Protein backbone atom coordinates (compact mmCIF):
# COMPACT_ATOMS: atom_id res chain seq x y z
CA MET A 1 3.53 -39.34 -20.14
CA GLY A 2 0.84 -40.96 -17.65
CA LYS A 3 -2.67 -39.27 -16.61
CA LYS A 4 -2.39 -35.95 -14.20
CA LYS A 5 -3.76 -36.45 -10.76
CA ARG A 6 -6.86 -34.62 -9.69
CA ILE A 7 -6.03 -32.30 -7.18
CA ALA A 8 -9.32 -30.29 -5.92
CA VAL A 9 -8.78 -26.63 -4.41
CA ILE A 10 -11.42 -25.66 -2.00
CA GLY A 11 -12.13 -22.86 0.45
CA ILE A 12 -11.15 -20.15 -1.46
CA ARG A 13 -13.53 -17.27 -3.21
CA GLY A 14 -12.19 -18.12 -6.28
CA PHE A 15 -10.74 -16.73 -9.25
CA PRO A 16 -9.88 -14.80 -11.52
CA PHE A 17 -10.94 -11.16 -10.43
CA VAL A 18 -12.15 -11.80 -6.62
CA GLN A 19 -10.70 -9.76 -4.06
CA GLY A 20 -8.77 -11.20 -1.30
CA GLY A 21 -5.11 -11.95 -0.51
CA VAL A 22 -5.38 -15.97 -0.50
CA GLU A 23 -7.83 -15.53 -3.90
CA SER A 24 -4.76 -13.83 -5.12
CA HIS A 25 -2.44 -16.71 -3.88
CA CYS A 26 -4.13 -19.41 -5.76
CA GLN A 27 -4.91 -17.54 -9.51
CA ARG A 28 -0.96 -17.14 -9.31
CA LEU A 29 -0.40 -20.34 -8.25
CA MET A 30 -2.83 -22.82 -9.84
CA PRO A 31 -1.75 -22.12 -13.54
CA LEU A 32 1.45 -23.44 -12.89
CA LEU A 33 0.44 -26.29 -10.60
CA SER A 34 -1.99 -27.29 -13.33
CA ARG A 35 0.80 -28.18 -15.76
CA GLU A 36 1.49 -31.34 -13.68
CA PHE A 37 -2.10 -31.69 -11.92
CA ALA A 38 -5.42 -31.56 -13.25
CA VAL A 39 -7.08 -29.27 -11.12
CA THR A 40 -10.27 -28.18 -9.74
CA VAL A 41 -11.20 -25.17 -7.99
CA PHE A 42 -14.45 -24.79 -6.25
CA ARG A 43 -15.50 -21.24 -6.13
CA ARG A 44 -18.46 -19.28 -4.58
CA LYS A 45 -20.98 -17.81 -7.38
CA PRO A 46 -21.81 -14.52 -5.05
CA TYR A 47 -18.30 -13.08 -5.30
CA LEU A 48 -17.89 -14.21 -9.43
CA SER A 49 -18.43 -11.36 -11.93
CA GLU A 50 -18.74 -11.34 -15.83
CA LYS A 51 -15.04 -11.12 -15.46
CA SER A 52 -14.57 -14.34 -13.51
CA CYS A 53 -16.31 -16.30 -15.79
CA VAL A 54 -13.06 -16.67 -18.20
CA GLU A 55 -11.54 -19.84 -19.40
CA MET A 56 -7.86 -20.93 -17.86
CA ASP A 57 -5.75 -23.73 -19.38
CA GLY A 58 -5.22 -26.50 -17.17
CA ILE A 59 -8.14 -25.67 -14.71
CA ASP A 60 -11.71 -26.54 -14.38
CA PHE A 61 -14.00 -24.64 -12.22
CA ILE A 62 -16.94 -25.44 -10.47
CA ASP A 63 -19.38 -22.83 -9.05
CA LEU A 64 -21.71 -23.59 -6.17
CA PRO A 65 -24.06 -21.90 -4.58
CA SER A 66 -22.86 -19.72 -1.05
CA THR A 67 -23.89 -16.56 0.92
CA ARG A 68 -22.24 -13.74 2.08
CA ILE A 69 -23.26 -13.63 5.47
CA LYS A 70 -19.88 -12.99 7.59
CA GLY A 71 -19.33 -16.16 9.38
CA PHE A 72 -21.63 -18.24 7.11
CA GLU A 73 -19.79 -18.09 3.96
CA ALA A 74 -17.01 -20.66 3.72
CA VAL A 75 -18.50 -23.13 5.85
CA ILE A 76 -21.49 -23.33 3.78
CA HIS A 77 -19.75 -23.35 0.43
CA THR A 78 -17.21 -25.77 2.05
CA LEU A 79 -19.83 -28.21 3.02
CA LEU A 80 -21.13 -27.98 -0.34
CA CYS A 81 -17.91 -28.55 -1.66
CA VAL A 82 -17.35 -31.91 0.64
CA ILE A 83 -20.84 -32.87 -0.49
CA TYR A 84 -19.76 -32.54 -4.32
CA LEU A 85 -16.36 -34.76 -3.50
CA THR A 86 -18.15 -37.63 -1.64
CA PHE A 87 -19.97 -38.55 -5.14
CA HIS A 88 -17.16 -37.16 -7.75
CA ARG A 89 -13.56 -38.36 -6.84
CA VAL A 90 -10.67 -36.39 -7.38
CA ASP A 91 -6.78 -38.40 -5.80
CA CYS A 92 -6.02 -35.48 -3.30
CA VAL A 93 -7.55 -31.96 -1.46
CA ASN A 94 -5.88 -29.20 -1.07
CA VAL A 95 -8.14 -26.93 1.23
CA HIS A 96 -6.79 -23.15 2.52
CA ASN A 97 -7.45 -22.02 5.67
CA ILE A 98 -7.95 -23.47 8.81
CA GLY A 99 -12.14 -22.11 9.02
CA PRO A 100 -13.19 -24.77 5.97
CA GLY A 101 -10.71 -27.04 8.15
CA LEU A 102 -13.12 -28.48 10.09
CA PHE A 103 -14.21 -30.66 7.24
CA ILE A 104 -10.70 -32.30 7.02
CA PRO A 105 -11.68 -34.84 9.02
CA TYR A 106 -14.50 -36.12 6.83
CA LEU A 107 -12.49 -35.82 3.93
CA ARG A 108 -10.32 -37.94 5.42
CA LEU A 109 -12.98 -40.24 6.49
CA LEU A 110 -13.56 -40.44 2.51
CA GLY A 111 -9.76 -41.82 1.87
CA TYR A 112 -8.35 -38.54 0.71
CA PRO A 113 -5.09 -37.05 1.51
CA VAL A 114 -5.48 -33.52 2.02
CA VAL A 115 -3.42 -30.98 2.22
CA LEU A 116 -3.66 -27.73 4.11
CA THR A 117 -2.79 -24.52 3.46
CA TYR A 118 -2.67 -21.97 6.16
CA HIS A 119 -3.03 -18.44 5.09
CA SER A 120 -3.36 -16.82 8.99
CA PRO A 121 -4.70 -17.12 12.24
CA ASN A 122 -8.08 -16.08 10.88
CA TYR A 123 -9.54 -16.39 14.84
CA GLU A 124 -6.89 -13.23 15.58
CA HIS A 125 -9.24 -10.62 13.08
CA ALA A 126 -11.17 -8.09 14.91
CA LYS A 127 -14.23 -9.35 12.34
CA TRP A 128 -15.12 -11.81 14.66
CA GLY A 129 -16.96 -12.28 17.66
CA GLY A 130 -16.02 -14.49 20.69
CA PHE A 131 -18.09 -17.95 18.75
CA ALA A 132 -16.49 -17.34 15.10
CA ARG A 133 -13.44 -17.44 16.76
CA TRP A 134 -13.71 -20.37 18.59
CA ILE A 135 -14.83 -22.08 15.69
CA LEU A 136 -12.34 -20.36 13.79
CA ARG A 137 -9.57 -22.32 16.75
CA LEU A 138 -11.41 -25.66 16.76
CA GLY A 139 -10.73 -25.47 13.03
CA GLU A 140 -7.33 -25.19 12.98
CA ARG A 141 -7.03 -27.77 15.65
CA LEU A 142 -8.84 -30.36 13.62
CA SER A 143 -6.82 -28.71 10.22
CA LEU A 144 -3.62 -29.28 11.71
CA LYS A 145 -4.42 -33.11 13.45
CA PHE A 146 -6.22 -34.43 10.40
CA ALA A 147 -4.16 -33.29 7.44
CA SER A 148 -1.65 -35.47 5.39
CA ALA A 149 0.29 -32.16 5.33
CA VAL A 150 0.37 -28.55 6.02
CA ILE A 151 1.68 -25.99 3.79
CA PHE A 152 2.20 -22.52 6.25
CA VAL A 153 2.81 -19.62 4.40
CA SER A 154 4.37 -17.73 6.78
CA PRO A 155 7.56 -18.92 8.70
CA LEU A 156 6.62 -17.52 11.83
CA GLN A 157 3.37 -19.01 12.32
CA ARG A 158 4.53 -22.58 11.64
CA GLU A 159 7.24 -22.09 14.30
CA LYS A 160 4.56 -21.53 16.89
CA TYR A 161 3.27 -25.10 17.51
CA PRO A 162 4.68 -28.35 18.46
CA LYS A 163 7.09 -31.41 17.13
CA TRP A 164 4.27 -33.26 15.63
CA VAL A 165 3.15 -30.47 13.75
CA LEU A 166 6.45 -29.17 12.43
CA ASP A 167 6.87 -32.90 11.33
CA LYS A 168 4.50 -32.76 8.28
CA SER A 169 4.52 -29.17 7.59
CA GLU A 170 6.76 -27.13 5.22
CA ALA A 171 6.89 -23.28 5.06
CA VAL A 172 6.15 -22.25 1.78
CA PRO A 173 6.03 -18.72 0.79
CA ASN A 174 3.89 -16.28 -0.98
CA GLY A 175 5.45 -14.96 -4.27
CA ILE A 176 5.63 -12.07 -6.56
CA SER A 177 4.99 -11.63 -10.30
CA ILE A 178 7.40 -9.48 -12.74
CA ASN A 179 4.47 -7.16 -13.45
CA LYS A 180 4.45 -4.75 -17.09
CA VAL A 181 3.66 -1.15 -16.95
CA ASP A 182 1.08 -0.33 -19.68
CA GLU A 183 1.38 2.88 -20.84
CA SER A 184 -2.71 3.15 -19.80
CA GLY A 185 -1.56 2.87 -16.43
CA GLU A 186 -0.61 6.36 -15.80
CA LYS A 187 -4.31 7.33 -17.76
CA PHE A 188 -5.90 5.46 -14.71
CA VAL A 189 -4.06 6.64 -11.61
CA ARG A 190 -4.70 10.14 -13.02
CA ARG A 191 -8.43 9.30 -13.66
CA ILE A 192 -8.87 8.79 -9.82
CA GLY A 193 -7.52 12.10 -9.45
CA ALA A 194 -4.17 10.69 -8.35
CA VAL A 195 -0.89 12.46 -8.88
CA PRO A 196 1.59 9.95 -9.98
CA GLY A 197 5.03 10.04 -7.37
CA LYS A 198 2.96 11.71 -4.83
CA TYR A 199 0.71 9.10 -3.18
CA ILE A 200 0.26 6.56 -0.20
CA LEU A 201 -0.94 3.31 -1.69
CA ALA A 202 -2.50 0.89 0.42
CA VAL A 203 -4.19 -2.50 -0.87
CA GLY A 204 -6.53 -4.68 0.84
CA ARG A 205 -9.99 -5.64 1.79
CA LEU A 206 -11.67 -2.86 3.88
CA THR A 207 -11.92 -4.95 7.03
CA PRO A 208 -11.18 -3.94 10.82
CA GLU A 209 -7.84 -6.00 10.71
CA LYS A 210 -6.01 -3.87 8.25
CA GLY A 211 -5.77 -0.98 10.06
CA PHE A 212 -6.58 1.49 7.05
CA GLU A 213 -8.53 4.03 9.24
CA THR A 214 -5.03 4.67 10.66
CA LEU A 215 -3.12 5.90 8.16
CA VAL A 216 -6.36 7.78 6.99
CA GLU A 217 -5.92 9.55 10.35
CA ALA A 218 -2.12 9.58 10.14
CA VAL A 219 -1.76 12.05 7.13
CA GLN A 220 -4.65 14.39 7.84
CA GLU A 221 -2.61 17.16 9.39
CA MET A 222 0.80 15.98 7.35
CA PRO A 223 1.56 19.00 4.92
CA GLU A 224 4.57 16.24 3.33
CA VAL A 225 1.91 13.76 2.30
CA SER A 226 -0.40 14.65 -0.42
CA GLN A 227 -2.58 11.83 -0.99
CA LEU A 228 -3.18 8.45 0.15
CA VAL A 229 -4.83 5.68 -1.98
CA ILE A 230 -6.43 3.14 -0.62
CA ALA A 231 -7.20 0.41 -3.32
CA GLY A 232 -9.99 -1.91 -1.76
CA ASP A 233 -13.57 -2.61 -1.07
CA SER A 234 -15.80 -4.37 1.74
CA ASP A 235 -17.24 -7.98 0.70
CA HIS A 236 -19.76 -7.18 3.78
CA ASP A 237 -20.23 -3.64 4.66
CA PRO A 238 -21.66 -1.45 2.23
CA ASN A 239 -20.54 1.53 4.25
CA ALA A 240 -16.85 0.56 4.49
CA ARG A 241 -15.38 3.00 2.32
CA LYS A 242 -17.98 5.88 3.61
CA ARG A 243 -16.89 5.67 7.05
CA LEU A 244 -12.96 5.84 5.47
CA ALA A 245 -14.02 8.66 3.74
CA SER A 246 -15.90 10.61 6.54
CA LEU A 247 -12.16 10.32 8.08
CA ASP A 248 -10.40 12.39 5.73
CA ARG A 249 -11.08 15.91 6.90
CA ALA A 250 -7.96 17.25 4.33
CA GLY A 251 -9.50 15.63 1.24
CA LYS A 252 -6.52 14.03 0.78
CA VAL A 253 -8.10 10.21 0.67
CA ILE A 254 -8.65 8.25 -2.41
CA LEU A 255 -10.44 5.44 -2.46
CA PRO A 256 -11.14 3.80 -5.97
CA GLY A 257 -12.57 0.14 -4.78
CA TYR A 258 -11.16 -2.89 -5.94
CA THR A 259 -8.89 -2.36 -8.20
CA THR A 260 -7.45 -5.19 -9.88
CA GLY A 261 -5.03 -6.00 -13.17
CA ASN A 262 -2.82 -3.26 -14.93
CA ASP A 263 -5.03 -0.97 -12.98
CA LEU A 264 -3.44 -2.12 -9.97
CA VAL A 265 0.08 -2.29 -11.47
CA ALA A 266 -0.31 1.05 -12.36
CA LEU A 267 -0.89 2.38 -8.91
CA TYR A 268 2.02 0.30 -7.50
CA ALA A 269 4.40 1.70 -9.96
CA ASN A 270 3.32 5.35 -9.73
CA ALA A 271 3.24 5.45 -6.20
CA GLY A 272 5.51 7.49 -4.07
CA MET A 273 5.13 5.05 -0.56
CA PHE A 274 3.45 2.07 0.14
CA GLY A 275 1.57 1.73 3.71
CA LEU A 276 0.65 -1.50 5.09
CA SER A 277 -1.59 -0.52 8.92
CA SER A 278 -2.78 -4.19 9.19
CA TYR A 279 -3.36 -5.48 13.06
CA SER A 280 -2.58 -8.82 12.02
CA GLU A 281 -1.27 -10.82 8.97
CA GLY A 282 -0.16 -14.39 7.75
CA PHE A 283 2.37 -13.76 5.10
CA PRO A 284 1.06 -10.07 3.31
CA LEU A 285 0.82 -10.38 -0.59
CA VAL A 286 0.91 -6.67 -1.15
CA LEU A 287 3.79 -5.78 1.17
CA LEU A 288 5.81 -8.12 -1.42
CA GLU A 289 4.14 -6.55 -4.42
CA ALA A 290 5.13 -3.33 -2.99
CA MET A 291 8.83 -4.40 -2.57
CA SER A 292 9.07 -5.65 -6.38
CA PHE A 293 8.51 -2.10 -7.03
CA GLY A 294 10.54 -0.94 -5.20
CA LEU A 295 8.38 1.36 -2.75
CA PRO A 296 9.82 2.43 -0.02
CA ILE A 297 7.18 1.31 2.52
CA VAL A 298 5.88 2.16 6.30
CA ALA A 299 4.25 -0.92 7.79
CA SER A 300 2.73 -2.00 11.52
CA ASP A 301 5.74 -3.82 13.89
CA ILE A 302 3.32 -6.75 13.55
CA PRO A 303 4.98 -10.54 12.75
CA ALA A 304 4.45 -10.87 9.32
CA SER A 305 6.29 -7.50 8.05
CA HIS A 306 9.34 -8.78 9.73
CA ILE A 307 9.42 -12.05 7.13
CA ILE A 308 11.17 -9.64 4.87
CA PRO A 309 13.67 -7.32 7.00
CA LEU A 310 12.50 -3.39 6.39
CA PRO A 311 14.95 -0.64 7.84
CA GLU A 312 13.72 0.15 11.39
CA GLU A 313 12.34 3.18 10.88
CA ALA A 314 9.56 1.73 8.58
CA TYR A 315 8.16 0.26 11.41
CA ALA A 316 4.97 1.99 13.67
CA THR A 317 3.07 0.35 16.19
CA PRO A 318 -0.62 -0.72 15.02
CA GLY A 319 -3.72 1.43 15.43
CA GLU A 320 -1.53 4.37 16.61
CA ALA A 321 -1.97 7.36 13.53
CA SER A 322 1.02 9.10 15.92
CA SER A 323 3.67 6.56 15.14
CA PHE A 324 2.72 5.91 11.51
CA GLN A 325 3.26 10.03 11.19
CA SER A 326 6.72 9.80 12.53
CA ALA A 327 7.43 6.43 10.67
CA ILE A 328 6.74 7.99 7.35
CA ARG A 329 8.71 11.56 7.90
CA LYS A 330 11.44 8.86 9.05
CA VAL A 331 11.39 6.83 5.30
CA MET A 332 10.99 10.10 3.26
CA GLY A 333 13.79 11.57 4.66
CA ALA A 334 15.64 8.54 3.77
CA GLY A 335 14.90 9.17 0.27
CA SER A 336 12.19 8.92 -2.91
CA GLY A 337 14.17 6.62 -4.35
CA PRO A 338 13.68 3.20 -4.97
CA ARG A 339 15.01 0.59 -2.88
CA GLU A 340 16.33 -2.69 -3.02
CA TYR A 341 14.71 -5.96 -1.20
CA ASP A 342 16.25 -9.12 -1.79
CA LEU A 343 12.84 -11.21 -2.94
CA ARG A 344 14.73 -14.44 -4.92
CA GLU A 345 12.98 -17.00 -2.50
CA TYR A 346 9.97 -15.74 -3.51
CA ASP A 347 9.42 -16.87 -7.17
CA TRP A 348 5.96 -18.39 -8.06
CA GLY A 349 7.77 -21.19 -10.40
CA MET A 350 9.90 -22.24 -7.21
CA ILE A 351 6.76 -21.84 -4.95
CA ALA A 352 4.51 -24.04 -7.44
CA GLN A 353 7.39 -26.90 -7.35
CA ARG A 354 7.48 -26.49 -3.83
CA THR A 355 4.24 -27.24 -3.67
CA ALA A 356 3.84 -29.74 -6.34
CA GLU A 357 6.53 -32.27 -3.91
CA ILE A 358 4.31 -31.53 -1.00
CA TYR A 359 1.07 -33.08 -3.31
CA GLU A 360 3.36 -35.45 -4.94
CA LYS A 361 4.13 -36.74 -1.58
CA VAL A 362 0.40 -37.45 0.16
CA LEU A 363 -0.29 -39.08 -3.17
CA ALA A 364 2.58 -41.25 -2.52
CA GLU A 365 1.44 -42.45 1.12
CA LYS A 366 -2.09 -42.55 0.14
């Protein structure tokens, strides 16, 4: 067997134990790809904890400085990654998302084949101002033009682009893992004050585009909903949890903060329903995770939540608490037992194989 080709992964905050959908995606995918490639993952130091400082077989971590200032962290860290790659050669670079994609033209000038993984159109997120959205749109244009190949996590996003983008791109979705529920899981659920089987679960960063305020407002005057657990935290806004808690007039909301590992598995396994209240998403990994546990789901009526179709009554208008109340009641009326979802194409092993084939293709064209 020949020497493994070296793949550099940039554009993410890092993993393991780093909050974020893109980070979760890479945490599941890169260990599988490391069986065929020598994978180097660039991480942002401010987001790493003691839990993150572990060794993972087949993966080298390079931790570089960054900032937590919104709008600057990705640009500054990616710039440092590119400077590093100017002097330390690899065989291929995998850039995650369009903000870091601003640097793809320079990477191509350095002679690197570059694979762009397009997770979501970040400029649609409410947290960004006008200038930041302009920069993200510029990043999108440069990324799509100069990348050697493009992986769209969402097939719906890929369909928006002209033929020249389609010709060098593929839709490769997020995946799911089979999670084993540890006996200690229910203890965690009870420790945070949640009652197994009686709460609606929502998971994600506490950012405006997730729309968690809508869920909080929706459950306030619903006697049939005992509790709402929102597992997540904010990277930039220390008052995000306090603002959500201030909306909880009925004392139904539990905010355990960023939750991962067996504790997160336990929250899924013991939930009575899952809520996705986002205004925009690429391909929500949390939705797949909820489906893997057979949870009844209420979701914002946005394109991303239709990738795997739900019953019509499960959809609610983003931002409208009354619409979510109606959807929750309808889904509850359909019964509380586990649901069946067709998740056959969301196997991480198959996703890793397709991604590896894309790496091999751009390496062969180098």
